Amino acid sequence: MVGGSTSDVLDPRTFIDWVPINIGYQLMNGLVEIDAAGNARPELLEEWESRSVTEWVFKVRRDVVFHNGKTLDADDVIYSITCIAAIHDRRQKSCSRMCWTSASSMQHR
């Protein structure tokens, strides 16, 4: 396959080219999705707001259930963002990393 990937894992931290990135979009949910008109719409979030240039508030949907029966919560979102952003590991090469590296902290209320 032209442009194929040798990646055989579904860990988004390893997605560095278009093939696994597109597979990830098909298999995994995001906080938001972009509709046909280019607008951000909630997917795993109920809503979000920007309180300032440096502070965002995300309200996680309460009706999302993992395959093992656990309900999605803020800790899951924080964990996922921290892993993808590799906040503590600058060697991480994930293409999604650039979206989150400016985050200095994350907490739930």
N, C-alpha and C. Protein backbone atom coordinates (compact mmCIF):
# COMPACT_ATOMS: atom_id res chain seq x y z
N MET A 1 0.85 -1.18 0.00
CA MET A 1 0.00 0.00 0.00
C MET A 1 0.90 1.24 0.00
N VAL A 2 0.66 2.14 -0.91
CA VAL A 2 1.42 3.37 -0.97
C VAL A 2 1.08 4.22 0.24
N GLY A 3 2.09 4.73 0.93
CA GLY A 3 1.87 5.56 2.11
C GLY A 3 1.46 4.75 3.31
N GLY A 4 1.62 3.44 3.23
CA GLY A 4 1.21 2.56 4.32
C GLY A 4 2.07 2.75 5.56
N SER A 5 1.62 2.17 6.63
CA SER A 5 2.31 2.28 7.90
C SER A 5 2.75 0.90 8.36
N THR A 6 3.84 0.85 9.06
CA THR A 6 4.28 -0.42 9.64
C THR A 6 3.74 -0.57 11.05
N SER A 7 3.01 0.42 11.52
CA SER A 7 2.47 0.37 12.87
C SER A 7 1.41 -0.71 12.98
N ASP A 8 1.54 -1.55 14.00
CA ASP A 8 0.54 -2.59 14.21
C ASP A 8 -0.11 -2.47 15.58
N VAL A 9 -0.06 -1.27 16.14
CA VAL A 9 -0.68 -1.03 17.44
C VAL A 9 -1.72 0.07 17.30
N LEU A 10 -2.67 0.07 18.22
CA LEU A 10 -3.72 1.09 18.20
C LEU A 10 -3.52 2.10 19.32
N ASP A 11 -2.30 2.39 19.65
CA ASP A 11 -1.97 3.36 20.68
C ASP A 11 -1.80 4.72 20.02
N PRO A 12 -2.70 5.68 20.30
CA PRO A 12 -2.62 6.98 19.60
C PRO A 12 -1.31 7.73 19.84
N ARG A 13 -0.58 7.35 20.86
CA ARG A 13 0.72 8.00 21.09
C ARG A 13 1.72 7.64 20.00
N THR A 14 1.45 6.57 19.23
CA THR A 14 2.37 6.13 18.18
C THR A 14 1.94 6.59 16.80
N PHE A 15 0.83 7.29 16.68
CA PHE A 15 0.31 7.69 15.38
C PHE A 15 1.12 8.86 14.83
N ILE A 16 1.99 8.58 13.85
CA ILE A 16 2.82 9.66 13.30
C ILE A 16 2.66 9.82 11.79
N ASP A 17 1.85 9.00 11.16
CA ASP A 17 1.57 9.23 9.74
C ASP A 17 0.08 9.04 9.48
N TRP A 18 -0.34 9.30 8.25
CA TRP A 18 -1.77 9.41 7.96
C TRP A 18 -2.54 8.12 8.08
N VAL A 19 -1.94 6.97 7.86
CA VAL A 19 -2.69 5.72 7.93
C VAL A 19 -3.19 5.45 9.35
N PRO A 20 -2.31 5.36 10.36
CA PRO A 20 -2.83 5.11 11.70
C PRO A 20 -3.68 6.26 12.24
N ILE A 21 -3.40 7.48 11.83
CA ILE A 21 -4.22 8.61 12.27
C ILE A 21 -5.66 8.42 11.77
N ASN A 22 -5.81 8.06 10.50
CA ASN A 22 -7.16 7.84 9.95
C ASN A 22 -7.84 6.63 10.58
N ILE A 23 -7.09 5.59 10.86
CA ILE A 23 -7.66 4.43 11.56
C ILE A 23 -8.15 4.87 12.94
N GLY A 24 -7.33 5.66 13.62
CA GLY A 24 -7.71 6.16 14.95
C GLY A 24 -8.99 6.97 14.92
N TYR A 25 -9.15 7.81 13.89
CA TYR A 25 -10.38 8.60 13.78
C TYR A 25 -11.60 7.70 13.60
N GLN A 26 -11.42 6.56 12.95
CA GLN A 26 -12.53 5.64 12.73
C GLN A 26 -12.87 4.82 13.98
N LEU A 27 -11.88 4.55 14.82
CA LEU A 27 -12.07 3.66 15.96
C LEU A 27 -12.27 4.35 17.31
N MET A 28 -11.78 5.58 17.43
CA MET A 28 -11.77 6.24 18.73
C MET A 28 -12.60 7.52 18.70
N ASN A 29 -13.21 7.84 19.81
CA ASN A 29 -13.98 9.07 19.92
C ASN A 29 -13.10 10.21 20.39
N GLY A 30 -13.47 11.42 19.99
CA GLY A 30 -12.77 12.61 20.43
C GLY A 30 -13.63 13.43 21.36
N LEU A 31 -13.04 14.45 21.95
CA LEU A 31 -13.82 15.35 22.80
C LEU A 31 -14.87 16.07 21.97
N VAL A 32 -14.46 16.47 20.77
CA VAL A 32 -15.38 17.12 19.83
C VAL A 32 -15.18 16.46 18.46
N GLU A 33 -16.11 16.72 17.58
CA GLU A 33 -15.97 16.31 16.19
C GLU A 33 -16.28 17.52 15.31
N ILE A 34 -15.80 17.49 14.11
CA ILE A 34 -16.04 18.59 13.18
C ILE A 34 -17.12 18.15 12.20
N ASP A 35 -18.19 18.95 12.11
CA ASP A 35 -19.29 18.58 11.21
C ASP A 35 -18.97 19.00 9.77
N ALA A 36 -19.87 18.70 8.85
CA ALA A 36 -19.66 18.97 7.42
C ALA A 36 -19.45 20.45 7.13
N ALA A 37 -19.99 21.30 7.99
CA ALA A 37 -19.84 22.75 7.79
C ALA A 37 -18.57 23.30 8.43
N GLY A 38 -17.79 22.41 9.08
CA GLY A 38 -16.54 22.85 9.71
C GLY A 38 -16.71 23.34 11.14
N ASN A 39 -17.86 23.10 11.74
CA ASN A 39 -18.11 23.54 13.11
C ASN A 39 -17.79 22.44 14.11
N ALA A 40 -17.23 22.81 15.24
CA ALA A 40 -16.96 21.85 16.32
C ALA A 40 -18.28 21.51 17.00
N ARG A 41 -18.53 20.22 17.16
CA ARG A 41 -19.73 19.71 17.82
C ARG A 41 -19.29 18.76 18.92
N PRO A 42 -20.01 18.70 20.03
CA PRO A 42 -19.63 17.79 21.12
C PRO A 42 -19.67 16.33 20.69
N GLU A 43 -18.68 15.57 21.15
CA GLU A 43 -18.73 14.13 20.96
C GLU A 43 -18.66 13.47 22.34
N LEU A 44 -17.54 13.57 23.03
CA LEU A 44 -17.45 13.05 24.40
C LEU A 44 -17.70 14.14 25.44
N LEU A 45 -17.87 15.36 24.98
CA LEU A 45 -18.17 16.47 25.88
C LEU A 45 -19.64 16.86 25.74
N GLU A 46 -20.19 17.39 26.81
CA GLU A 46 -21.51 18.01 26.72
C GLU A 46 -21.36 19.43 26.22
N GLU A 47 -20.36 20.10 26.76
CA GLU A 47 -20.10 21.50 26.39
C GLU A 47 -18.70 21.86 26.81
N TRP A 48 -18.23 23.00 26.32
CA TRP A 48 -16.93 23.52 26.70
C TRP A 48 -16.97 25.02 26.58
N GLU A 49 -16.07 25.66 27.32
CA GLU A 49 -15.99 27.12 27.26
C GLU A 49 -14.57 27.56 27.51
N SER A 50 -14.24 28.70 26.97
CA SER A 50 -12.93 29.31 27.20
C SER A 50 -13.14 30.47 28.17
N ARG A 51 -12.60 30.33 29.36
CA ARG A 51 -12.72 31.40 30.36
C ARG A 51 -11.69 32.49 30.11
N SER A 52 -10.60 32.13 29.50
CA SER A 52 -9.55 33.08 29.13
C SER A 52 -8.70 32.42 28.07
N VAL A 53 -7.67 33.09 27.63
CA VAL A 53 -6.80 32.52 26.61
C VAL A 53 -6.09 31.27 27.14
N THR A 54 -5.93 31.18 28.44
CA THR A 54 -5.18 30.08 29.03
C THR A 54 -6.02 29.09 29.83
N GLU A 55 -7.33 29.32 29.91
CA GLU A 55 -8.16 28.42 30.72
C GLU A 55 -9.40 27.97 29.94
N TRP A 56 -9.51 26.66 29.82
CA TRP A 56 -10.67 26.05 29.18
C TRP A 56 -11.36 25.16 30.19
N VAL A 57 -12.69 25.09 30.08
CA VAL A 57 -13.48 24.22 30.95
C VAL A 57 -14.25 23.25 30.05
N PHE A 58 -14.05 21.95 30.30
CA PHE A 58 -14.75 20.91 29.55
C PHE A 58 -15.73 20.22 30.47
N LYS A 59 -16.96 20.04 30.02
CA LYS A 59 -17.95 19.27 30.77
C LYS A 59 -18.14 17.93 30.05
N VAL A 60 -17.70 16.85 30.70
CA VAL A 60 -17.71 15.52 30.11
C VAL A 60 -19.11 14.92 30.17
N ARG A 61 -19.53 14.30 29.07
CA ARG A 61 -20.83 13.61 29.04
C ARG A 61 -20.84 12.51 30.10
N ARG A 62 -21.97 12.32 30.74
CA ARG A 62 -22.11 11.31 31.79
C ARG A 62 -22.67 9.98 31.27
N ASP A 63 -23.06 9.94 30.00
CA ASP A 63 -23.68 8.74 29.47
C ASP A 63 -22.75 7.90 28.59
N VAL A 64 -21.46 8.16 28.66
CA VAL A 64 -20.50 7.41 27.85
C VAL A 64 -19.95 6.26 28.69
N VAL A 65 -20.06 5.05 28.13
CA VAL A 65 -19.63 3.86 28.86
C VAL A 65 -18.57 3.13 28.02
N PHE A 66 -17.47 2.77 28.67
CA PHE A 66 -16.42 1.99 28.01
C PHE A 66 -16.89 0.56 27.78
N HIS A 67 -16.15 -0.18 26.98
CA HIS A 67 -16.50 -1.58 26.68
C HIS A 67 -16.52 -2.46 27.92
N ASN A 68 -15.81 -2.04 28.99
CA ASN A 68 -15.78 -2.85 30.22
C ASN A 68 -16.86 -2.43 31.22
N GLY A 69 -17.73 -1.50 30.83
CA GLY A 69 -18.82 -1.07 31.70
C GLY A 69 -18.54 0.15 32.54
N LYS A 70 -17.27 0.63 32.55
CA LYS A 70 -16.91 1.82 33.33
C LYS A 70 -17.43 3.07 32.62
N THR A 71 -17.97 4.00 33.39
CA THR A 71 -18.45 5.27 32.84
C THR A 71 -17.29 6.25 32.69
N LEU A 72 -17.26 6.94 31.57
CA LEU A 72 -16.24 7.96 31.31
C LEU A 72 -16.34 9.06 32.35
N ASP A 73 -15.19 9.51 32.88
CA ASP A 73 -15.18 10.64 33.80
C ASP A 73 -14.01 11.56 33.48
N ALA A 74 -13.91 12.65 34.20
CA ALA A 74 -12.88 13.65 33.95
C ALA A 74 -11.48 13.07 34.08
N ASP A 75 -11.27 12.15 35.01
CA ASP A 75 -9.95 11.55 35.18
C ASP A 75 -9.52 10.79 33.92
N ASP A 76 -10.47 10.14 33.25
CA ASP A 76 -10.16 9.44 32.01
C ASP A 76 -9.70 10.41 30.92
N VAL A 77 -10.38 11.54 30.83
CA VAL A 77 -10.03 12.54 29.83
C VAL A 77 -8.65 13.12 30.14
N ILE A 78 -8.41 13.45 31.39
CA ILE A 78 -7.10 13.99 31.79
C ILE A 78 -6.00 12.98 31.49
N TYR A 79 -6.23 11.72 31.82
CA TYR A 79 -5.25 10.67 31.55
C TYR A 79 -4.94 10.58 30.05
N SER A 80 -5.99 10.57 29.23
CA SER A 80 -5.79 10.45 27.78
C SER A 80 -5.03 11.63 27.21
N ILE A 81 -5.40 12.83 27.62
CA ILE A 81 -4.70 14.02 27.11
C ILE A 81 -3.25 14.01 27.57
N THR A 82 -3.02 13.65 28.82
CA THR A 82 -1.65 13.60 29.34
C THR A 82 -0.81 12.59 28.57
N CYS A 83 -1.38 11.44 28.27
CA CYS A 83 -0.64 10.43 27.49
C CYS A 83 -0.33 10.92 26.09
N ILE A 84 -1.32 11.45 25.41
CA ILE A 84 -1.12 11.90 24.03
C ILE A 84 -0.18 13.09 23.98
N ALA A 85 -0.33 14.01 24.92
CA ALA A 85 0.52 15.20 24.94
C ALA A 85 1.93 14.87 25.39
N ALA A 86 2.07 13.75 26.10
CA ALA A 86 3.37 13.36 26.64
C ALA A 86 3.99 14.54 27.37
N ILE A 87 3.19 15.15 28.22
CA ILE A 87 3.61 16.34 28.93
C ILE A 87 4.93 16.13 29.66
N HIS A 88 5.15 14.93 30.15
CA HIS A 88 6.38 14.67 30.90
C HIS A 88 7.43 13.92 30.08
N ASP A 89 7.18 13.69 28.80
CA ASP A 89 8.12 12.96 27.96
C ASP A 89 8.24 13.65 26.61
N ARG A 90 9.18 14.52 26.48
CA ARG A 90 9.34 15.32 25.25
C ARG A 90 9.82 14.48 24.07
N ARG A 91 10.15 13.21 24.29
CA ARG A 91 10.55 12.33 23.19
C ARG A 91 9.35 11.82 22.41
N GLN A 92 8.16 11.99 22.97
CA GLN A 92 6.94 11.51 22.33
C GLN A 92 6.77 12.19 20.98
N LYS A 93 6.39 11.42 19.96
CA LYS A 93 6.30 11.95 18.60
C LYS A 93 4.88 12.02 18.05
N SER A 94 3.87 11.75 18.86
CA SER A 94 2.49 11.75 18.40
C SER A 94 2.14 13.05 17.68
N CYS A 95 1.45 12.92 16.55
CA CYS A 95 1.01 14.11 15.81
C CYS A 95 0.02 14.94 16.63
N SER A 96 -0.73 14.30 17.52
CA SER A 96 -1.70 15.02 18.35
C SER A 96 -1.03 15.79 19.48
N ARG A 97 0.22 15.47 19.75
CA ARG A 97 0.94 16.09 20.86
C ARG A 97 0.92 17.62 20.78
N MET A 98 1.11 18.13 19.58
CA MET A 98 1.20 19.58 19.42
C MET A 98 -0.07 20.31 19.87
N CYS A 99 -1.20 19.62 19.86
CA CYS A 99 -2.46 20.25 20.28
C CYS A 99 -2.51 20.49 21.78
N TRP A 100 -1.69 19.75 22.55
CA TRP A 100 -1.83 19.80 24.01
C TRP A 100 -0.56 20.21 24.75
N THR A 101 0.55 20.40 24.06
CA THR A 101 1.81 20.66 24.78
C THR A 101 1.82 21.99 25.52
N SER A 102 0.97 22.91 25.16
CA SER A 102 0.95 24.18 25.88
C SER A 102 0.15 24.10 27.18
N ALA A 103 -0.51 22.97 27.41
CA ALA A 103 -1.27 22.80 28.66
C ALA A 103 -0.29 22.68 29.82
N SER A 104 -0.42 23.57 30.79
CA SER A 104 0.50 23.52 31.94
C SER A 104 -0.06 22.66 33.06
N SER A 105 -1.37 22.53 33.12
CA SER A 105 -1.97 21.68 34.14
C SER A 105 -3.39 21.33 33.73
N MET A 106 -3.89 20.23 34.32
CA MET A 106 -5.27 19.80 34.09
C MET A 106 -5.80 19.30 35.42
N GLN A 107 -7.04 19.66 35.70
CA GLN A 107 -7.65 19.21 36.95
C GLN A 107 -9.16 19.10 36.77
N HIS A 108 -9.78 18.30 37.59
CA HIS A 108 -11.24 18.23 37.52
C HIS A 108 -11.83 18.82 38.79
N ARG A 109 -13.06 19.28 38.63
CA ARG A 109 -13.74 19.93 39.75
C ARG A 109 -14.97 19.18 40.12
